[in-house]
Amino acid sequence: MSLMGDCQTGRSVLTATYDRSSLEGFAETVRGMRERFTAETDSEVMLIAAFELAIHHLRVPEMA
């Protein structure tokens, strides 16, 4: 989880990473966490977005 904030504007961005099965299985739990977080920090959620991120591990040949 990452949180970045701008003190001058009061805006922030929170990112979290889940695998697909976890995200689908815990949607209600995550919703509750989000509602609790916004209530405790007196903030509002302006946008929720899900993205698929492809990560590829490349093997580079050893140099001789």
PDB file of N, CA and C in Angstrom:
ATOM      1  N   MET A   1       0.846  -1.154   0.000  1.00  0.00           N
ATOM      2  CA  MET A   1       0.000   0.000   0.000  1.00  0.00           C
ATOM      3  C   MET A   1       0.901   1.228   0.000  1.00  0.00           C
ATOM      4  N   SER A   2       0.520   2.216  -0.759  1.00  0.00           N
ATOM      5  CA  SER A   2       1.273   3.473  -0.841  1.00  0.00           C
ATOM      6  C   SER A   2       0.300   4.631  -0.695  1.00  0.00           C
ATOM      7  N   LEU A   3       0.728   5.669   0.018  1.00  0.00           N
ATOM      8  CA  LEU A   3      -0.074   6.866   0.195  1.00  0.00           C
ATOM      9  C   LEU A   3       0.807   8.076  -0.079  1.00  0.00           C
ATOM     10  N   MET A   4       0.371   8.915  -1.003  1.00  0.00           N
ATOM     11  CA  MET A   4       1.072  10.164  -1.289  1.00  0.00           C
ATOM     12  C   MET A   4       0.087  11.303  -1.072  1.00  0.00           C
ATOM     13  N   GLY A   5       0.558  12.363  -0.437  1.00  0.00           N
ATOM     14  CA  GLY A   5      -0.328  13.478  -0.160  1.00  0.00           C
ATOM     15  C   GLY A   5       0.294  14.811  -0.520  1.00  0.00           C
ATOM     16  N   ASP A   6      -0.541  15.763  -0.846  1.00  0.00           N
ATOM     17  CA  ASP A   6      -0.130  17.131  -1.129  1.00  0.00           C
ATOM     18  C   ASP A   6      -0.747  18.015  -0.058  1.00  0.00           C
ATOM     19  N   CYS A   7       0.072  18.497   0.859  1.00  0.00           N
ATOM     20  CA  CYS A   7      -0.432  19.291   1.983  1.00  0.00           C
ATOM     21  C   CYS A   7      -1.063  20.601   1.542  1.00  0.00           C
ATOM     22  N   GLN A   8      -0.576  21.177   0.451  1.00  0.00           N
ATOM     23  CA  GLN A   8      -1.106  22.459  -0.011  1.00  0.00           C
ATOM     24  C   GLN A   8      -2.527  22.339  -0.541  1.00  0.00           C
ATOM     25  N   THR A   9      -2.818  21.255  -1.270  1.00  0.00           N
ATOM     26  CA  THR A   9      -4.158  21.103  -1.850  1.00  0.00           C
ATOM     27  C   THR A   9      -5.050  20.210  -0.999  1.00  0.00           C
ATOM     28  N   GLY A  10      -4.439  19.420  -0.118  1.00  0.00           N
ATOM     29  CA  GLY A  10      -5.223  18.496   0.697  1.00  0.00           C
ATOM     30  C   GLY A  10      -5.618  17.226  -0.046  1.00  0.00           C
ATOM     31  N   ARG A  11      -5.074  17.043  -1.227  1.00  0.00           N
ATOM     32  CA  ARG A  11      -5.386  15.849  -2.020  1.00  0.00           C
ATOM     33  C   ARG A  11      -4.348  14.766  -1.768  1.00  0.00           C
ATOM     34  N   SER A  12      -4.785  13.524  -1.908  1.00  0.00           N
ATOM     35  CA  SER A  12      -3.855  12.413  -1.740  1.00  0.00           C
ATOM     36  C   SER A  12      -4.263  11.260  -2.652  1.00  0.00           C
ATOM     37  N   VAL A  13      -3.337  10.338  -2.821  1.00  0.00           N
ATOM     38  CA  VAL A  13      -3.559   9.154  -3.638  1.00  0.00           C
ATOM     39  C   VAL A  13      -3.132   7.956  -2.812  1.00  0.00           C
ATOM     40  N   LEU A  14      -3.985   6.959  -2.770  1.00  0.00           N
ATOM     41  CA  LEU A  14      -3.681   5.721  -2.073  1.00  0.00           C
ATOM     42  C   LEU A  14      -3.752   4.589  -3.084  1.00  0.00           C
ATOM     43  N   THR A  15      -2.721   3.774  -3.144  1.00  0.00           N
ATOM     44  CA  THR A  15      -2.730   2.626  -4.043  1.00  0.00           C
ATOM     45  C   THR A  15      -2.543   1.354  -3.231  1.00  0.00           C
ATOM     46  N   ALA A  16      -3.182   0.303  -3.680  1.00  0.00           N
ATOM     47  CA  ALA A  16      -3.035  -1.010  -3.062  1.00  0.00           C
ATOM     48  C   ALA A  16      -2.986  -2.042  -4.166  1.00  0.00           C
ATOM     49  N   THR A  17      -2.244  -3.094  -3.938  1.00  0.00           N
ATOM     50  CA  THR A  17      -2.081  -4.133  -4.943  1.00  0.00           C
ATOM     51  C   THR A  17      -2.665  -5.442  -4.433  1.00  0.00           C
ATOM     52  N   TYR A  18      -3.496  -6.053  -5.239  1.00  0.00           N
ATOM     53  CA  TYR A  18      -4.127  -7.332  -4.913  1.00  0.00           C
ATOM     54  C   TYR A  18      -4.035  -8.240  -6.120  1.00  0.00           C
ATOM     55  N   ASP A  19      -3.991  -9.544  -5.897  1.00  0.00           N
ATOM     56  CA  ASP A  19      -4.151 -10.435  -7.039  1.00  0.00           C
ATOM     57  C   ASP A  19      -5.649 -10.581  -7.291  1.00  0.00           C
ATOM     58  N   ARG A  20      -6.014 -10.980  -8.475  1.00  0.00           N
ATOM     59  CA  ARG A  20      -7.415 -10.993  -8.896  1.00  0.00           C
ATOM     60  C   ARG A  20      -8.300 -11.798  -7.947  1.00  0.00           C
ATOM     61  N   SER A  21      -7.865 -12.982  -7.544  1.00  0.00           N
ATOM     62  CA  SER A  21      -8.708 -13.818  -6.687  1.00  0.00           C
ATOM     63  C   SER A  21      -8.928 -13.174  -5.323  1.00  0.00           C
ATOM     64  N   SER A  22      -7.904 -12.515  -4.790  1.00  0.00           N
ATOM     65  CA  SER A  22      -8.058 -11.832  -3.501  1.00  0.00           C
ATOM     66  C   SER A  22      -9.009 -10.655  -3.619  1.00  0.00           C
ATOM     67  N   LEU A  23      -8.874  -9.909  -4.687  1.00  0.00           N
ATOM     68  CA  LEU A  23      -9.722  -8.733  -4.880  1.00  0.00           C
ATOM     69  C   LEU A  23     -11.190  -9.131  -4.965  1.00  0.00           C
ATOM     70  N   GLU A  24     -11.480 -10.160  -5.745  1.00  0.00           N
ATOM     71  CA  GLU A  24     -12.864 -10.594  -5.905  1.00  0.00           C
ATOM     72  C   GLU A  24     -13.404 -11.204  -4.616  1.00  0.00           C
ATOM     73  N   GLY A  25     -12.559 -11.920  -3.888  1.00  0.00           N
ATOM     74  CA  GLY A  25     -13.006 -12.591  -2.677  1.00  0.00           C
ATOM     75  C   GLY A  25     -13.200 -11.671  -1.482  1.00  0.00           C
ATOM     76  N   PHE A  26     -12.509 -10.519  -1.485  1.00  0.00           N
ATOM     77  CA  PHE A  26     -12.564  -9.635  -0.330  1.00  0.00           C
ATOM     78  C   PHE A  26     -13.148  -8.265  -0.639  1.00  0.00           C
ATOM     79  N   ALA A  27     -13.948  -8.168  -1.675  1.00  0.00           N
ATOM     80  CA  ALA A  27     -14.507  -6.874  -2.085  1.00  0.00           C
ATOM     81  C   ALA A  27     -15.280  -6.202  -0.954  1.00  0.00           C
ATOM     82  N   GLU A  28     -16.091  -6.946  -0.235  1.00  0.00           N
ATOM     83  CA  GLU A  28     -16.867  -6.364   0.867  1.00  0.00           C
ATOM     84  C   GLU A  28     -15.964  -5.916   2.006  1.00  0.00           C
ATOM     85  N   THR A  29     -14.937  -6.707   2.301  1.00  0.00           N
ATOM     86  CA  THR A  29     -13.998  -6.346   3.364  1.00  0.00           C
ATOM     87  C   THR A  29     -13.263  -5.070   3.003  1.00  0.00           C
ATOM     88  N   VAL A  30     -12.806  -4.968   1.760  1.00  0.00           N
ATOM     89  CA  VAL A  30     -12.097  -3.781   1.306  1.00  0.00           C
ATOM     90  C   VAL A  30     -13.018  -2.569   1.340  1.00  0.00           C
ATOM     91  N   ARG A  31     -14.262  -2.747   0.965  1.00  0.00           N
ATOM     92  CA  ARG A  31     -15.226  -1.642   1.006  1.00  0.00           C
ATOM     93  C   ARG A  31     -15.381  -1.129   2.442  1.00  0.00           C
ATOM     94  N   GLY A  32     -15.475  -2.041   3.386  1.00  0.00           N
ATOM     95  CA  GLY A  32     -15.589  -1.645   4.792  1.00  0.00           C
ATOM     96  C   GLY A  32     -14.354  -0.913   5.282  1.00  0.00           C
ATOM     97  N   MET A  33     -13.181  -1.392   4.880  1.00  0.00           N
ATOM     98  CA  MET A  33     -11.929  -0.727   5.254  1.00  0.00           C
ATOM     99  C   MET A  33     -11.880   0.687   4.687  1.00  0.00           C
ATOM    100  N   ARG A  34     -12.309   0.834   3.444  1.00  0.00           N
ATOM    101  CA  ARG A  34     -12.306   2.146   2.792  1.00  0.00           C
ATOM    102  C   ARG A  34     -13.271   3.099   3.506  1.00  0.00           C
ATOM    103  N   GLU A  35     -14.445   2.615   3.858  1.00  0.00           N
ATOM    104  CA  GLU A  35     -15.425   3.464   4.541  1.00  0.00           C
ATOM    105  C   GLU A  35     -14.927   3.877   5.924  1.00  0.00           C
ATOM    106  N   ARG A  36     -14.299   2.950   6.622  1.00  0.00           N
ATOM    107  CA  ARG A  36     -13.752   3.248   7.950  1.00  0.00           C
ATOM    108  C   ARG A  36     -12.603   4.265   7.830  1.00  0.00           C
ATOM    109  N   PHE A  37     -11.724   4.076   6.848  1.00  0.00           N
ATOM    110  CA  PHE A  37     -10.598   4.987   6.641  1.00  0.00           C
ATOM    111  C   PHE A  37     -11.084   6.401   6.345  1.00  0.00           C
ATOM    112  N   THR A  38     -12.062   6.536   5.445  1.00  0.00           N
ATOM    113  CA  THR A  38     -12.543   7.875   5.095  1.00  0.00           C
ATOM    114  C   THR A  38     -13.253   8.536   6.272  1.00  0.00           C
ATOM    115  N   ALA A  39     -13.952   7.764   7.081  1.00  0.00           N
ATOM    116  CA  ALA A  39     -14.625   8.333   8.248  1.00  0.00           C
ATOM    117  C   ALA A  39     -13.599   8.807   9.284  1.00  0.00           C
ATOM    118  N   GLU A  40     -12.562   8.013   9.519  1.00  0.00           N
ATOM    119  CA  GLU A  40     -11.561   8.358  10.528  1.00  0.00           C
ATOM    120  C   GLU A  40     -10.660   9.512  10.098  1.00  0.00           C
ATOM    121  N   THR A  41     -10.477   9.695   8.807  1.00  0.00           N
ATOM    122  CA  THR A  41      -9.601  10.760   8.310  1.00  0.00           C
ATOM    123  C   THR A  41     -10.378  11.957   7.790  1.00  0.00           C
ATOM    124  N   ASP A  42     -11.688  11.924   7.926  1.00  0.00           N
ATOM    125  CA  ASP A  42     -12.556  12.999   7.431  1.00  0.00           C
ATOM    126  C   ASP A  42     -12.228  13.326   5.977  1.00  0.00           C
ATOM    127  N   SER A  43     -12.211  12.282   5.151  1.00  0.00           N
ATOM    128  CA  SER A  43     -11.884  12.444   3.736  1.00  0.00           C
ATOM    129  C   SER A  43     -12.995  11.857   2.883  1.00  0.00           C
ATOM    130  N   GLU A  44     -12.895  12.051   1.592  1.00  0.00           N
ATOM    131  CA  GLU A  44     -13.865  11.474   0.679  1.00  0.00           C
ATOM    132  C   GLU A  44     -13.143  10.790  -0.474  1.00  0.00           C
ATOM    133  N   VAL A  45     -13.732   9.750  -0.984  1.00  0.00           N
ATOM    134  CA  VAL A  45     -13.178   9.034  -2.128  1.00  0.00           C
ATOM    135  C   VAL A  45     -13.761   9.662  -3.382  1.00  0.00           C
ATOM    136  N   MET A  46     -12.890  10.132  -4.251  1.00  0.00           N
ATOM    137  CA  MET A  46     -13.345  10.773  -5.479  1.00  0.00           C
ATOM    138  C   MET A  46     -13.351   9.809  -6.661  1.00  0.00           C
ATOM    139  N   LEU A  47     -12.498   8.787  -6.631  1.00  0.00           N
ATOM    140  CA  LEU A  47     -12.397   7.868  -7.750  1.00  0.00           C
ATOM    141  C   LEU A  47     -11.828   6.544  -7.271  1.00  0.00           C
ATOM    142  N   ILE A  48     -12.422   5.467  -7.732  1.00  0.00           N
ATOM    143  CA  ILE A  48     -11.896   4.128  -7.494  1.00  0.00           C
ATOM    144  C   ILE A  48     -11.707   3.502  -8.867  1.00  0.00           C
ATOM    145  N   ALA A  49     -10.516   2.975  -9.104  1.00  0.00           N
ATOM    146  CA  ALA A  49     -10.231   2.368 -10.403  1.00  0.00           C
ATOM    147  C   ALA A  49      -9.432   1.097 -10.203  1.00  0.00           C
ATOM    148  N   ALA A  50      -9.692   0.115 -11.039  1.00  0.00           N
ATOM    149  CA  ALA A  50      -8.939  -1.137 -11.009  1.00  0.00           C
ATOM    150  C   ALA A  50      -8.205  -1.276 -12.333  1.00  0.00           C
ATOM    151  N   PHE A  51      -6.962  -1.688 -12.253  1.00  0.00           N
ATOM    152  CA  PHE A  51      -6.144  -1.859 -13.440  1.00  0.00           C
ATOM    153  C   PHE A  51      -5.481  -3.220 -13.397  1.00  0.00           C
ATOM    154  N   GLU A  52      -5.292  -3.799 -14.555  1.00  0.00           N
ATOM    155  CA  GLU A  52      -4.545  -5.033 -14.654  1.00  0.00           C
ATOM    156  C   GLU A  52      -3.109  -4.668 -14.993  1.00  0.00           C
ATOM    157  N   LEU A  53      -2.182  -5.181 -14.227  1.00  0.00           N
ATOM    158  CA  LEU A  53      -0.781  -4.856 -14.413  1.00  0.00           C
ATOM    159  C   LEU A  53      -0.023  -6.116 -14.790  1.00  0.00           C
ATOM    160  N   ALA A  54       0.600  -6.090 -15.942  1.00  0.00           N
ATOM    161  CA  ALA A  54       1.380  -7.235 -16.395  1.00  0.00           C
ATOM    162  C   ALA A  54       2.839  -7.024 -16.001  1.00  0.00           C
ATOM    163  N   ILE A  55       3.383  -8.003 -15.323  1.00  0.00           N
ATOM    164  CA  ILE A  55       4.785  -7.941 -14.906  1.00  0.00           C
ATOM    165  C   ILE A  55       5.509  -9.108 -15.554  1.00  0.00           C
ATOM    166  N   HIS A  56       6.616  -8.795 -16.192  1.00  0.00           N
ATOM    167  CA  HIS A  56       7.360  -9.833 -16.889  1.00  0.00           C
ATOM    168  C   HIS A  56       8.805  -9.820 -16.398  1.00  0.00           C
ATOM    169  N   HIS A  57       9.300 -10.977 -16.014  1.00  0.00           N
ATOM    170  CA  HIS A  57      10.681 -11.099 -15.563  1.00  0.00           C
ATOM    171  C   HIS A  57      11.547 -11.501 -16.751  1.00  0.00           C
ATOM    172  N   LEU A  58      12.471 -10.652 -17.100  1.00  0.00           N
ATOM    173  CA  LEU A  58      13.366 -10.938 -18.219  1.00  0.00           C
ATOM    174  C   LEU A  58      14.667 -11.539 -17.704  1.00  0.00           C
ATOM    175  N   ARG A  59      15.145 -12.514 -18.397  1.00  0.00           N
ATOM    176  CA  ARG A  59      16.455 -13.087 -18.072  1.00  0.00           C
ATOM    177  C   ARG A  59      17.457 -12.539 -19.073  1.00  0.00           C
ATOM    178  N   VAL A  60      18.434 -11.812 -18.565  1.00  0.00           N
ATOM    179  CA  VAL A  60      19.471 -11.238 -19.414  1.00  0.00           C
ATOM    180  C   VAL A  60      20.682 -12.163 -19.349  1.00  0.00           C
ATOM    181  N   PRO A  61      21.215 -12.553 -20.494  1.00  0.00           N
ATOM    182  CA  PRO A  61      22.385 -13.432 -20.482  1.00  0.00           C
ATOM    183  C   PRO A  61      23.568 -12.792 -19.740  1.00  0.00           C
ATOM    184  N   GLU A  62      24.281 -13.596 -19.002  1.00  0.00           N
ATOM    185  CA  GLU A  62      25.453 -13.123 -18.285  1.00  0.00           C
ATOM    186  C   GLU A  62      26.502 -12.644 -19.286  1.00  0.00           C
ATOM    187  N   MET A  63      27.185 -11.599 -18.945  1.00  0.00           N
ATOM    188  CA  MET A  63      28.256 -11.121 -19.813  1.00  0.00           C
ATOM    189  C   MET A  63      29.511 -11.925 -19.531  1.00  0.00           C
ATOM    190  N   ALA A  64      30.271 -12.279 -20.555  1.00  0.00           N
ATOM    191  CA  ALA A  64      31.480 -13.122 -20.401  1.00  0.00           C
ATOM    192  C   ALA A  64      32.640 -12.350 -19.844  1.00  0.00           C
TER     193      ALA A  64
END
